[in-house]
Amino acid sequence: MKIRADKVKAAKWMACHDTNGISMNYHCPNFSGQKSAYISKRLQAYIKDGRTDFMMGPIARKLTDADIENRASYYRQPGGV
């Protein structure tokens, strides 16, 4: 089941963005309910456009296109499902 696979992969981001996409840390953005294109664009910016962040930059640069699609698909749903 795709949603289940998305949830398992998104769980790796739990420490900062929580599994539901609503961060408890004000330094980390909330992803829950964001459009998947928005999330993808922000992640791609670390890889292609030189966006920087001491924490997220190194993480994002390791993501494949499939990983980005997966995270965007999961977090676009309110509460991360």
PDB file of N, CA and C in Angstrom:
ATOM      1  N   MET A   1       0.832  -1.175   0.000  1.00  0.00           N
ATOM      2  CA  MET A   1       0.000   0.000   0.000  1.00  0.00           C
ATOM      3  C   MET A   1       0.882   1.245   0.000  1.00  0.00           C
ATOM      4  N   LYS A   2       0.668   2.154  -0.947  1.00  0.00           N
ATOM      5  CA  LYS A   2       1.531   3.311  -1.120  1.00  0.00           C
ATOM      6  C   LYS A   2       1.556   4.225   0.103  1.00  0.00           C
ATOM      7  N   ILE A   3       0.411   4.516   0.681  1.00  0.00           N
ATOM      8  CA  ILE A   3       0.370   5.415   1.843  1.00  0.00           C
ATOM      9  C   ILE A   3       1.212   4.841   2.967  1.00  0.00           C
ATOM     10  N   ARG A   4       1.121   3.553   3.183  1.00  0.00           N
ATOM     11  CA  ARG A   4       1.907   2.892   4.236  1.00  0.00           C
ATOM     12  C   ARG A   4       3.395   3.039   3.956  1.00  0.00           C
ATOM     13  N   ALA A   5       3.815   2.819   2.721  1.00  0.00           N
ATOM     14  CA  ALA A   5       5.227   2.956   2.362  1.00  0.00           C
ATOM     15  C   ALA A   5       5.688   4.397   2.562  1.00  0.00           C
ATOM     16  N   ASP A   6       4.839   5.361   2.188  1.00  0.00           N
ATOM     17  CA  ASP A   6       5.172   6.768   2.381  1.00  0.00           C
ATOM     18  C   ASP A   6       5.365   7.065   3.862  1.00  0.00           C
ATOM     19  N   LYS A   7       4.495   6.532   4.693  1.00  0.00           N
ATOM     20  CA  LYS A   7       4.568   6.783   6.131  1.00  0.00           C
ATOM     21  C   LYS A   7       5.857   6.214   6.716  1.00  0.00           C
ATOM     22  N   VAL A   8       6.233   5.028   6.289  1.00  0.00           N
ATOM     23  CA  VAL A   8       7.462   4.408   6.790  1.00  0.00           C
ATOM     24  C   VAL A   8       8.675   5.257   6.423  1.00  0.00           C
ATOM     25  N   LYS A   9       8.729   5.723   5.182  1.00  0.00           N
ATOM     26  CA  LYS A   9       9.867   6.537   4.749  1.00  0.00           C
ATOM     27  C   LYS A   9       9.856   7.910   5.415  1.00  0.00           C
ATOM     28  N   ALA A  10       8.697   8.507   5.573  1.00  0.00           N
ATOM     29  CA  ALA A  10       8.599   9.823   6.203  1.00  0.00           C
ATOM     30  C   ALA A  10       8.954   9.765   7.684  1.00  0.00           C
ATOM     31  N   ALA A  11       8.836   8.611   8.283  1.00  0.00           N
ATOM     32  CA  ALA A  11       9.144   8.459   9.713  1.00  0.00           C
ATOM     33  C   ALA A  11      10.584   8.852  10.019  1.00  0.00           C
ATOM     34  N   LYS A  12      11.457   8.782   9.036  1.00  0.00           N
ATOM     35  CA  LYS A  12      12.852   9.187   9.241  1.00  0.00           C
ATOM     36  C   LYS A  12      12.967  10.666   9.576  1.00  0.00           C
ATOM     37  N   TRP A  13      11.951  11.432   9.247  1.00  0.00           N
ATOM     38  CA  TRP A  13      11.973  12.869   9.513  1.00  0.00           C
ATOM     39  C   TRP A  13      11.273  13.213  10.813  1.00  0.00           C
ATOM     40  N   MET A  14      10.857  12.225  11.552  1.00  0.00           N
ATOM     41  CA  MET A  14      10.063  12.424  12.750  1.00  0.00           C
ATOM     42  C   MET A  14      10.736  13.341  13.770  1.00  0.00           C
ATOM     43  N   ALA A  15      12.015  13.252  13.937  1.00  0.00           N
ATOM     44  CA  ALA A  15      12.693  14.033  14.971  1.00  0.00           C
ATOM     45  C   ALA A  15      12.514  15.540  14.783  1.00  0.00           C
ATOM     46  N   CYS A  16      12.437  15.985  13.546  1.00  0.00           N
ATOM     47  CA  CYS A  16      12.306  17.423  13.294  1.00  0.00           C
ATOM     48  C   CYS A  16      10.911  17.856  12.860  1.00  0.00           C
ATOM     49  N   HIS A  17      10.289  17.065  12.002  1.00  0.00           N
ATOM     50  CA  HIS A  17       9.007  17.466  11.423  1.00  0.00           C
ATOM     51  C   HIS A  17       7.836  16.650  11.954  1.00  0.00           C
ATOM     52  N   ASP A  18       8.101  15.714  12.826  1.00  0.00           N
ATOM     53  CA  ASP A  18       7.125  14.791  13.388  1.00  0.00           C
ATOM     54  C   ASP A  18       6.495  13.966  12.259  1.00  0.00           C
ATOM     55  N   THR A  19       5.964  12.832  12.575  1.00  0.00           N
ATOM     56  CA  THR A  19       5.386  11.981  11.539  1.00  0.00           C
ATOM     57  C   THR A  19       4.109  12.570  10.968  1.00  0.00           C
ATOM     58  N   ASN A  20       3.487  13.480  11.694  1.00  0.00           N
ATOM     59  CA  ASN A  20       2.262  14.087  11.187  1.00  0.00           C
ATOM     60  C   ASN A  20       2.518  15.388  10.440  1.00  0.00           C
ATOM     61  N   GLY A  21       3.792  15.794  10.333  1.00  0.00           N
ATOM     62  CA  GLY A  21       4.135  16.999   9.586  1.00  0.00           C
ATOM     63  C   GLY A  21       3.938  18.297  10.338  1.00  0.00           C
ATOM     64  N   ILE A  22       3.633  18.203  11.626  1.00  0.00           N
ATOM     65  CA  ILE A  22       3.456  19.395  12.444  1.00  0.00           C
ATOM     66  C   ILE A  22       4.581  19.411  13.479  1.00  0.00           C
ATOM     67  N   SER A  23       5.545  20.267  13.229  1.00  0.00           N
ATOM     68  CA  SER A  23       6.747  20.309  14.051  1.00  0.00           C
ATOM     69  C   SER A  23       6.486  20.907  15.420  1.00  0.00           C
ATOM     70  N   MET A  24       7.129  20.347  16.418  1.00  0.00           N
ATOM     71  CA  MET A  24       7.084  20.904  17.762  1.00  0.00           C
ATOM     72  C   MET A  24       8.234  21.894  17.969  1.00  0.00           C
ATOM     73  N   ASN A  25       9.118  21.980  16.997  1.00  0.00           N
ATOM     74  CA  ASN A  25      10.293  22.845  17.058  1.00  0.00           C
ATOM     75  C   ASN A  25      10.064  24.036  16.130  1.00  0.00           C
ATOM     76  N   TYR A  26      10.093  25.228  16.652  1.00  0.00           N
ATOM     77  CA  TYR A  26       9.801  26.390  15.818  1.00  0.00           C
ATOM     78  C   TYR A  26      10.853  26.632  14.734  1.00  0.00           C
ATOM     79  N   HIS A  27      11.996  25.978  14.800  1.00  0.00           N
ATOM     80  CA  HIS A  27      13.019  26.089  13.759  1.00  0.00           C
ATOM     81  C   HIS A  27      12.692  25.231  12.535  1.00  0.00           C
ATOM     82  N   CYS A  28      11.783  24.296  12.691  1.00  0.00           N
ATOM     83  CA  CYS A  28      11.437  23.365  11.615  1.00  0.00           C
ATOM     84  C   CYS A  28      10.042  23.682  11.079  1.00  0.00           C
ATOM     85  N   PRO A  29       9.921  23.776   9.763  1.00  0.00           N
ATOM     86  CA  PRO A  29       8.601  24.123   9.205  1.00  0.00           C
ATOM     87  C   PRO A  29       7.602  22.983   9.313  1.00  0.00           C
ATOM     88  N   ASN A  30       6.345  23.366   9.328  1.00  0.00           N
ATOM     89  CA  ASN A  30       5.258  22.391   9.267  1.00  0.00           C
ATOM     90  C   ASN A  30       5.026  22.020   7.807  1.00  0.00           C
ATOM     91  N   PHE A  31       4.874  20.752   7.533  1.00  0.00           N
ATOM     92  CA  PHE A  31       4.621  20.268   6.176  1.00  0.00           C
ATOM     93  C   PHE A  31       3.187  19.808   5.987  1.00  0.00           C
ATOM     94  N   SER A  32       2.516  19.481   7.056  1.00  0.00           N
ATOM     95  CA  SER A  32       1.181  18.903   6.965  1.00  0.00           C
ATOM     96  C   SER A  32       0.241  19.795   6.163  1.00  0.00           C
ATOM     97  N   GLY A  33      -0.366  19.203   5.139  1.00  0.00           N
ATOM     98  CA  GLY A  33      -1.340  19.916   4.333  1.00  0.00           C
ATOM     99  C   GLY A  33      -0.764  20.820   3.254  1.00  0.00           C
ATOM    100  N   GLN A  34       0.571  20.931   3.188  1.00  0.00           N
ATOM    101  CA  GLN A  34       1.189  21.722   2.118  1.00  0.00           C
ATOM    102  C   GLN A  34       1.010  20.999   0.797  1.00  0.00           C
ATOM    103  N   LYS A  35       0.954  21.729  -0.286  1.00  0.00           N
ATOM    104  CA  LYS A  35       0.863  21.111  -1.603  1.00  0.00           C
ATOM    105  C   LYS A  35       2.162  20.364  -1.892  1.00  0.00           C
ATOM    106  N   SER A  36       2.037  19.197  -2.513  1.00  0.00           N
ATOM    107  CA  SER A  36       3.222  18.384  -2.776  1.00  0.00           C
ATOM    108  C   SER A  36       4.209  19.129  -3.668  1.00  0.00           C
ATOM    109  N   ALA A  37       3.733  19.941  -4.602  1.00  0.00           N
ATOM    110  CA  ALA A  37       4.635  20.709  -5.471  1.00  0.00           C
ATOM    111  C   ALA A  37       5.471  21.691  -4.650  1.00  0.00           C
ATOM    112  N   TYR A  38       4.882  22.278  -3.628  1.00  0.00           N
ATOM    113  CA  TYR A  38       5.597  23.207  -2.756  1.00  0.00           C
ATOM    114  C   TYR A  38       6.713  22.472  -2.000  1.00  0.00           C
ATOM    115  N   ILE A  39       6.373  21.352  -1.421  1.00  0.00           N
ATOM    116  CA  ILE A  39       7.362  20.579  -0.669  1.00  0.00           C
ATOM    117  C   ILE A  39       8.491  20.126  -1.590  1.00  0.00           C
ATOM    118  N   SER A  40       8.135  19.621  -2.754  1.00  0.00           N
ATOM    119  CA  SER A  40       9.150  19.164  -3.725  1.00  0.00           C
ATOM    120  C   SER A  40      10.064  20.307  -4.130  1.00  0.00           C
ATOM    121  N   LYS A  41       9.471  21.454  -4.422  1.00  0.00           N
ATOM    122  CA  LYS A  41      10.262  22.616  -4.852  1.00  0.00           C
ATOM    123  C   LYS A  41      11.244  23.035  -3.771  1.00  0.00           C
ATOM    124  N   ARG A  42      10.795  23.047  -2.532  1.00  0.00           N
ATOM    125  CA  ARG A  42      11.683  23.432  -1.431  1.00  0.00           C
ATOM    126  C   ARG A  42      12.838  22.443  -1.262  1.00  0.00           C
ATOM    127  N   LEU A  43      12.541  21.163  -1.380  1.00  0.00           N
ATOM    128  CA  LEU A  43      13.606  20.156  -1.248  1.00  0.00           C
ATOM    129  C   LEU A  43      14.556  20.200  -2.439  1.00  0.00           C
ATOM    130  N   GLN A  44      14.016  20.359  -3.640  1.00  0.00           N
ATOM    131  CA  GLN A  44      14.862  20.446  -4.840  1.00  0.00           C
ATOM    132  C   GLN A  44      15.783  21.662  -4.778  1.00  0.00           C
ATOM    133  N   ALA A  45      15.347  22.723  -4.130  1.00  0.00           N
ATOM    134  CA  ALA A  45      16.164  23.935  -4.032  1.00  0.00           C
ATOM    135  C   ALA A  45      17.493  23.673  -3.325  1.00  0.00           C
ATOM    136  N   TYR A  46      17.508  22.759  -2.376  1.00  0.00           N
ATOM    137  CA  TYR A  46      18.764  22.403  -1.715  1.00  0.00           C
ATOM    138  C   TYR A  46      19.713  21.712  -2.683  1.00  0.00           C
ATOM    139  N   ILE A  47      19.180  20.980  -3.619  1.00  0.00           N
ATOM    140  CA  ILE A  47      19.986  20.206  -4.550  1.00  0.00           C
ATOM    141  C   ILE A  47      20.405  21.037  -5.762  1.00  0.00           C
ATOM    142  N   LYS A  48      19.471  21.781  -6.324  1.00  0.00           N
ATOM    143  CA  LYS A  48      19.701  22.436  -7.618  1.00  0.00           C
ATOM    144  C   LYS A  48      19.908  23.944  -7.546  1.00  0.00           C
ATOM    145  N   ASP A  49      19.355  24.596  -6.544  1.00  0.00           N
ATOM    146  CA  ASP A  49      19.360  26.057  -6.531  1.00  0.00           C
ATOM    147  C   ASP A  49      20.248  26.669  -5.459  1.00  0.00           C
ATOM    148  N   GLY A  50      20.988  25.864  -4.760  1.00  0.00           N
ATOM    149  CA  GLY A  50      21.912  26.383  -3.770  1.00  0.00           C
ATOM    150  C   GLY A  50      21.279  26.851  -2.469  1.00  0.00           C
ATOM    151  N   ARG A  51      20.044  26.432  -2.207  1.00  0.00           N
ATOM    152  CA  ARG A  51      19.423  26.772  -0.923  1.00  0.00           C
ATOM    153  C   ARG A  51      20.273  26.153   0.181  1.00  0.00           C
ATOM    154  N   THR A  52      20.440  26.876   1.263  1.00  0.00           N
ATOM    155  CA  THR A  52      21.300  26.378   2.342  1.00  0.00           C
ATOM    156  C   THR A  52      20.564  26.325   3.679  1.00  0.00           C
ATOM    157  N   ASP A  53      20.977  25.400   4.475  1.00  0.00           N
ATOM    158  CA  ASP A  53      20.533  25.264   5.853  1.00  0.00           C
ATOM    159  C   ASP A  53      21.485  24.264   6.488  1.00  0.00           C
ATOM    160  N   PHE A  54      22.035  24.601   7.636  1.00  0.00           N
ATOM    161  CA  PHE A  54      23.049  23.736   8.239  1.00  0.00           C
ATOM    162  C   PHE A  54      22.526  22.348   8.584  1.00  0.00           C
ATOM    163  N   MET A  55      21.236  22.237   8.857  1.00  0.00           N
ATOM    164  CA  MET A  55      20.664  20.946   9.220  1.00  0.00           C
ATOM    165  C   MET A  55      20.048  20.238   8.013  1.00  0.00           C
ATOM    166  N   MET A  56      19.170  20.920   7.310  1.00  0.00           N
ATOM    167  CA  MET A  56      18.407  20.283   6.236  1.00  0.00           C
ATOM    168  C   MET A  56      19.198  20.128   4.949  1.00  0.00           C
ATOM    169  N   GLY A  57      20.121  21.034   4.671  1.00  0.00           N
ATOM    170  CA  GLY A  57      20.892  20.977   3.428  1.00  0.00           C
ATOM    171  C   GLY A  57      21.560  19.626   3.188  1.00  0.00           C
ATOM    172  N   PRO A  58      22.366  19.139   4.119  1.00  0.00           N
ATOM    173  CA  PRO A  58      23.021  17.841   3.919  1.00  0.00           C
ATOM    174  C   PRO A  58      22.038  16.680   3.785  1.00  0.00           C
ATOM    175  N   ILE A  59      20.915  16.761   4.480  1.00  0.00           N
ATOM    176  CA  ILE A  59      19.898  15.707   4.397  1.00  0.00           C
ATOM    177  C   ILE A  59      19.247  15.721   3.024  1.00  0.00           C
ATOM    178  N   ALA A  60      18.832  16.901   2.588  1.00  0.00           N
ATOM    179  CA  ALA A  60      18.131  17.027   1.304  1.00  0.00           C
ATOM    180  C   ALA A  60      19.018  16.623   0.131  1.00  0.00           C
ATOM    181  N   ARG A  61      20.290  16.946   0.195  1.00  0.00           N
ATOM    182  CA  ARG A  61      21.198  16.620  -0.919  1.00  0.00           C
ATOM    183  C   ARG A  61      21.381  15.118  -1.109  1.00  0.00           C
ATOM    184  N   LYS A  62      21.040  14.328  -0.126  1.00  0.00           N
ATOM    185  CA  LYS A  62      21.131  12.864  -0.237  1.00  0.00           C
ATOM    186  C   LYS A  62      19.857  12.243  -0.809  1.00  0.00           C
ATOM    187  N   LEU A  63      18.784  13.035  -0.927  1.00  0.00           N
ATOM    188  CA  LEU A  63      17.513  12.496  -1.399  1.00  0.00           C
ATOM    189  C   LEU A  63      17.504  12.295  -2.916  1.00  0.00           C
ATOM    190  N   THR A  64      16.898  11.221  -3.328  1.00  0.00           N
ATOM    191  CA  THR A  64      16.677  10.985  -4.754  1.00  0.00           C
ATOM    192  C   THR A  64      15.370  11.666  -5.151  1.00  0.00           C
ATOM    193  N   ASP A  65      15.106  11.743  -6.444  1.00  0.00           N
ATOM    194  CA  ASP A  65      13.827  12.291  -6.901  1.00  0.00           C
ATOM    195  C   ASP A  65      12.664  11.487  -6.324  1.00  0.00           C
ATOM    196  N   ALA A  66      12.837  10.172  -6.254  1.00  0.00           N
ATOM    197  CA  ALA A  66      11.788   9.309  -5.699  1.00  0.00           C
ATOM    198  C   ALA A  66      11.579   9.598  -4.212  1.00  0.00           C
ATOM    199  N   ASP A  67      12.657   9.834  -3.480  1.00  0.00           N
ATOM    200  CA  ASP A  67      12.543  10.176  -2.058  1.00  0.00           C
ATOM    201  C   ASP A  67      11.757  11.477  -1.875  1.00  0.00           C
ATOM    202  N   ILE A  68      12.071  12.465  -2.702  1.00  0.00           N
ATOM    203  CA  ILE A  68      11.390  13.753  -2.614  1.00  0.00           C
ATOM    204  C   ILE A  68       9.912  13.595  -2.926  1.00  0.00           C
ATOM    205  N   GLU A  69       9.617  12.850  -3.962  1.00  0.00           N
ATOM    206  CA  GLU A  69       8.216  12.602  -4.324  1.00  0.00           C
ATOM    207  C   GLU A  69       7.482  11.909  -3.180  1.00  0.00           C
ATOM    208  N   ASN A  70       8.163  10.959  -2.568  1.00  0.00           N
ATOM    209  CA  ASN A  70       7.580  10.218  -1.446  1.00  0.00           C
ATOM    210  C   ASN A  70       7.243  11.139  -0.283  1.00  0.00           C
ATOM    211  N   ARG A  71       8.195  11.977   0.134  1.00  0.00           N
ATOM    212  CA  ARG A  71       7.952  12.876   1.268  1.00  0.00           C
ATOM    213  C   ARG A  71       6.849  13.865   0.944  1.00  0.00           C
ATOM    214  N   ALA A  72       6.891  14.410  -0.260  1.00  0.00           N
ATOM    215  CA  ALA A  72       5.883  15.390  -0.666  1.00  0.00           C
ATOM    216  C   ALA A  72       4.491  14.762  -0.700  1.00  0.00           C
ATOM    217  N   SER A  73       4.415  13.544  -1.174  1.00  0.00           N
ATOM    218  CA  SER A  73       3.140  12.837  -1.244  1.00  0.00           C
ATOM    219  C   SER A  73       2.593  12.557   0.152  1.00  0.00           C
ATOM    220  N   TYR A  74       3.449  12.154   1.038  1.00  0.00           N
ATOM    221  CA  TYR A  74       3.025  11.830   2.394  1.00  0.00           C
ATOM    222  C   TYR A  74       2.574  13.077   3.164  1.00  0.00           C
ATOM    223  N   TYR A  75       3.436  14.091   3.202  1.00  0.00           N
ATOM    224  CA  TYR A  75       3.151  15.256   4.027  1.00  0.00           C
ATOM    225  C   TYR A  75       2.072  16.176   3.469  1.00  0.00           C
ATOM    226  N   ARG A  76       1.725  16.039   2.179  1.00  0.00           N
ATOM    227  CA  ARG A  76       0.686  16.906   1.616  1.00  0.00           C
ATOM    228  C   ARG A  76      -0.675  16.606   2.221  1.00  0.00           C
ATOM    229  N   GLN A  77      -0.808  15.443   2.816  1.00  0.00           N
ATOM    230  CA  GLN A  77      -2.077  15.052   3.412  1.00  0.00           C
ATOM    231  C   GLN A  77      -2.148  15.580   4.836  1.00  0.00           C
ATOM    232  N   PRO A  78      -3.222  16.265   5.203  1.00  0.00           N
ATOM    233  CA  PRO A  78      -3.324  16.805   6.552  1.00  0.00           C
ATOM    234  C   PRO A  78      -3.050  15.747   7.618  1.00  0.00           C
ATOM    235  N   GLY A  79      -2.131  16.056   8.506  1.00  0.00           N
ATOM    236  CA  GLY A  79      -1.790  15.117   9.567  1.00  0.00           C
ATOM    237  C   GLY A  79      -0.924  13.970   9.112  1.00  0.00           C
ATOM    238  N   GLY A  80      -0.468  13.990   7.854  1.00  0.00           N
ATOM    239  CA  GLY A  80       0.409  12.946   7.353  1.00  0.00           C
ATOM    240  C   GLY A  80      -0.240  11.585   7.267  1.00  0.00           C
ATOM    241  N   VAL A  81      -1.546  11.500   7.441  1.00  0.00           N
ATOM    242  CA  VAL A  81      -2.350  10.274   7.398  1.00  0.00           C
ATOM    243  C   VAL A  81      -2.026   9.372   8.570  1.00  0.00           C
TER     244      VAL A  81
END
